[in-house]
Protein backbone atom coordinates (compact mmCIF):
# COMPACT_ATOMS: atom_id res chain seq x y z
CA MET A 1 79.68 -9.17 -78.31
CA ALA A 2 83.30 -9.40 -77.14
CA ARG A 3 85.71 -7.58 -79.42
CA THR A 4 88.25 -9.99 -80.87
CA ASP A 5 90.38 -7.25 -82.42
CA VAL A 6 91.71 -6.09 -79.04
CA PRO A 7 95.46 -5.40 -79.01
CA THR A 8 97.64 -7.88 -77.15
CA CYS A 9 101.20 -7.74 -75.93
CA ALA A 10 103.81 -9.86 -74.17
CA LEU A 11 105.48 -9.41 -70.79
CA ASP A 12 108.89 -8.53 -72.22
CA GLU A 13 107.76 -5.73 -74.57
CA ARG A 14 108.46 -2.06 -73.87
CA LEU A 15 105.50 0.04 -72.77
CA GLY A 16 106.26 2.87 -75.20
CA ASP A 17 106.16 0.50 -78.18
CA VAL A 18 102.93 -1.10 -77.00
CA ARG A 19 101.29 2.26 -76.27
CA ASP A 20 102.05 3.48 -79.80
CA ARG A 21 100.62 0.30 -81.31
CA VAL A 22 97.50 0.38 -79.10
CA HIS A 23 96.73 4.04 -79.81
CA ALA A 24 97.37 3.59 -83.56
CA ALA A 25 94.73 0.85 -83.53
CA GLY A 26 92.24 3.20 -81.83
CA TRP A 27 92.24 1.48 -78.44
CA ASP A 28 93.04 2.53 -74.87
CA THR A 29 93.36 -1.03 -73.54
CA CYS A 30 95.76 -3.88 -74.20
CA VAL A 31 95.53 -7.48 -72.94
CA VAL A 32 98.80 -9.01 -71.78
CA VAL A 33 99.06 -12.65 -72.90
CA ASN A 34 101.66 -15.40 -73.10
CA GLU A 35 102.53 -17.47 -76.18
CA GLN A 36 99.38 -19.59 -75.74
CA ARG A 37 97.20 -16.43 -75.45
CA VAL A 38 96.54 -17.04 -71.75
CA VAL A 39 95.61 -13.73 -70.12
CA LEU A 40 98.26 -12.56 -67.65
CA GLY A 41 97.29 -8.94 -67.15
CA LEU A 42 95.72 -5.81 -68.53
CA LEU A 43 96.94 -2.37 -69.52
CA ARG A 44 94.31 0.34 -69.30
CA ALA A 45 94.80 4.04 -70.03
CA THR A 46 96.44 4.68 -66.65
CA GLU A 47 99.05 1.96 -67.15
CA LEU A 48 99.61 2.93 -70.79
CA SER A 49 100.53 6.46 -69.68
CA ALA A 50 103.42 5.27 -67.50
CA ALA A 51 107.12 5.61 -68.41
CA PRO A 52 107.76 4.33 -71.96
CA ASP A 53 110.87 2.35 -70.99
CA LEU A 54 109.02 0.12 -68.53
CA ARG A 55 108.58 -3.50 -69.46
CA ILE A 56 104.96 -4.61 -69.69
CA GLU A 57 105.47 -6.93 -66.73
CA GLN A 58 106.28 -3.87 -64.59
CA ALA A 59 103.38 -1.74 -65.82
CA MET A 60 100.43 -4.14 -66.13
CA ARG A 61 97.56 -4.88 -63.77
CA PRO A 62 98.05 -8.60 -63.09
CA GLY A 63 95.16 -11.06 -62.86
CA PRO A 64 92.28 -8.97 -64.22
CA SER A 65 88.65 -9.97 -63.65
CA THR A 66 87.54 -12.15 -66.54
CA PHE A 67 84.33 -13.77 -67.72
CA ARG A 68 83.61 -17.01 -69.55
CA PRO A 69 81.66 -16.84 -72.82
CA PHE A 70 78.65 -18.67 -71.32
CA VAL A 71 77.99 -16.07 -68.56
CA ALA A 72 74.74 -14.17 -69.12
CA ILE A 73 75.27 -10.68 -70.50
CA GLU A 74 73.08 -9.22 -67.75
CA GLU A 75 75.39 -10.71 -65.11
CA MET A 76 78.49 -9.38 -66.86
CA ALA A 77 76.97 -5.91 -67.25
CA ARG A 78 75.89 -5.79 -63.61
CA PHE A 79 79.33 -6.85 -62.36
CA MET A 80 81.11 -4.35 -64.60
CA VAL A 81 78.89 -1.49 -63.39
CA GLU A 82 79.17 -2.48 -59.71
CA HIS A 83 82.97 -2.74 -59.91
CA ASP A 84 83.44 0.23 -62.27
CA LEU A 85 85.18 -1.86 -64.95
CA GLU A 86 85.31 -0.21 -68.38
CA THR A 87 86.49 -3.46 -69.99
CA SER A 88 86.91 -7.10 -69.06
CA PRO A 89 88.58 -9.96 -70.92
CA ILE A 90 86.48 -12.94 -71.98
CA THR A 91 88.46 -16.16 -71.62
CA THR A 92 88.10 -19.89 -72.02
CA SER A 93 88.16 -22.10 -68.92
CA ASP A 94 91.92 -22.46 -69.34
CA GLY A 95 92.41 -18.68 -69.43
CA LYS A 96 92.90 -18.19 -73.18
CA LEU A 97 91.73 -14.86 -74.56
CA VAL A 98 88.49 -14.92 -76.54
CA GLY A 99 87.99 -11.16 -76.69
CA LEU A 100 87.42 -8.00 -74.69
CA LEU A 101 84.00 -6.89 -73.48
CA ARG A 102 83.35 -3.17 -73.14
CA ARG A 103 80.99 -2.13 -70.37
CA GLN A 104 79.02 0.17 -72.68
CA ASP A 105 78.35 -2.78 -75.02
CA ALA A 106 77.40 -5.11 -72.16
CA VAL A 107 74.98 -2.58 -70.64
CA ARG A 108 73.40 -1.82 -74.03
CA VAL A 109 72.87 -5.48 -74.94
CA ALA A 110 71.67 -6.38 -71.44
CA GLY A 111 69.04 -3.65 -71.72
CA GLU A 112 67.95 -4.91 -75.15
CA THR A 113 67.49 -8.49 -73.91
CA ARG A 114 65.27 -7.66 -70.93
CA PRO A 115 61.56 -8.33 -71.30
CA ALA A 116 59.41 -5.21 -71.68
CA GLY A 117 58.64 -3.65 -68.33
CA ARG A 118 61.66 -5.27 -66.62
CA ALA A 119 64.31 -2.65 -67.45
CA GLY A 120 65.95 -1.60 -64.21
CA ALA A 121 64.06 -4.18 -62.14
CA ASP A 122 67.22 -5.80 -60.78
CA THR A 123 69.38 -2.65 -60.48
CA GLY A 124 68.86 0.83 -61.74
CA GLU A 125 72.37 0.83 -63.18
CA VAL A 126 72.20 -1.76 -65.96
CA ALA A 127 69.18 -0.58 -67.94
């Protein structure tokens, strides 16, 4: 479910270089990680459109909301809808990046896993 091909970058990179790499890969999001792939921040479209000479550390959203791989997809989808998150990193318990979950994927899969007749029973937003 989580996309493992998400672009990553380091704190000391230049935003313009990262933006070019992210867009060339067909993405509008980049996960900021350290050498051990621990998630430090996130660059979404808004941050990627900032001044190209900024260092990633200056442009990123620090401490993004993350999920663990064992969290139920329905819970992730609900949280992402309620908090208007387009994407959220999936990490191990020690913060290492597993992949990036897109809200549209979470909502779709959550709807597919509900028993017949239960779609929308918890919230009208997830189904």
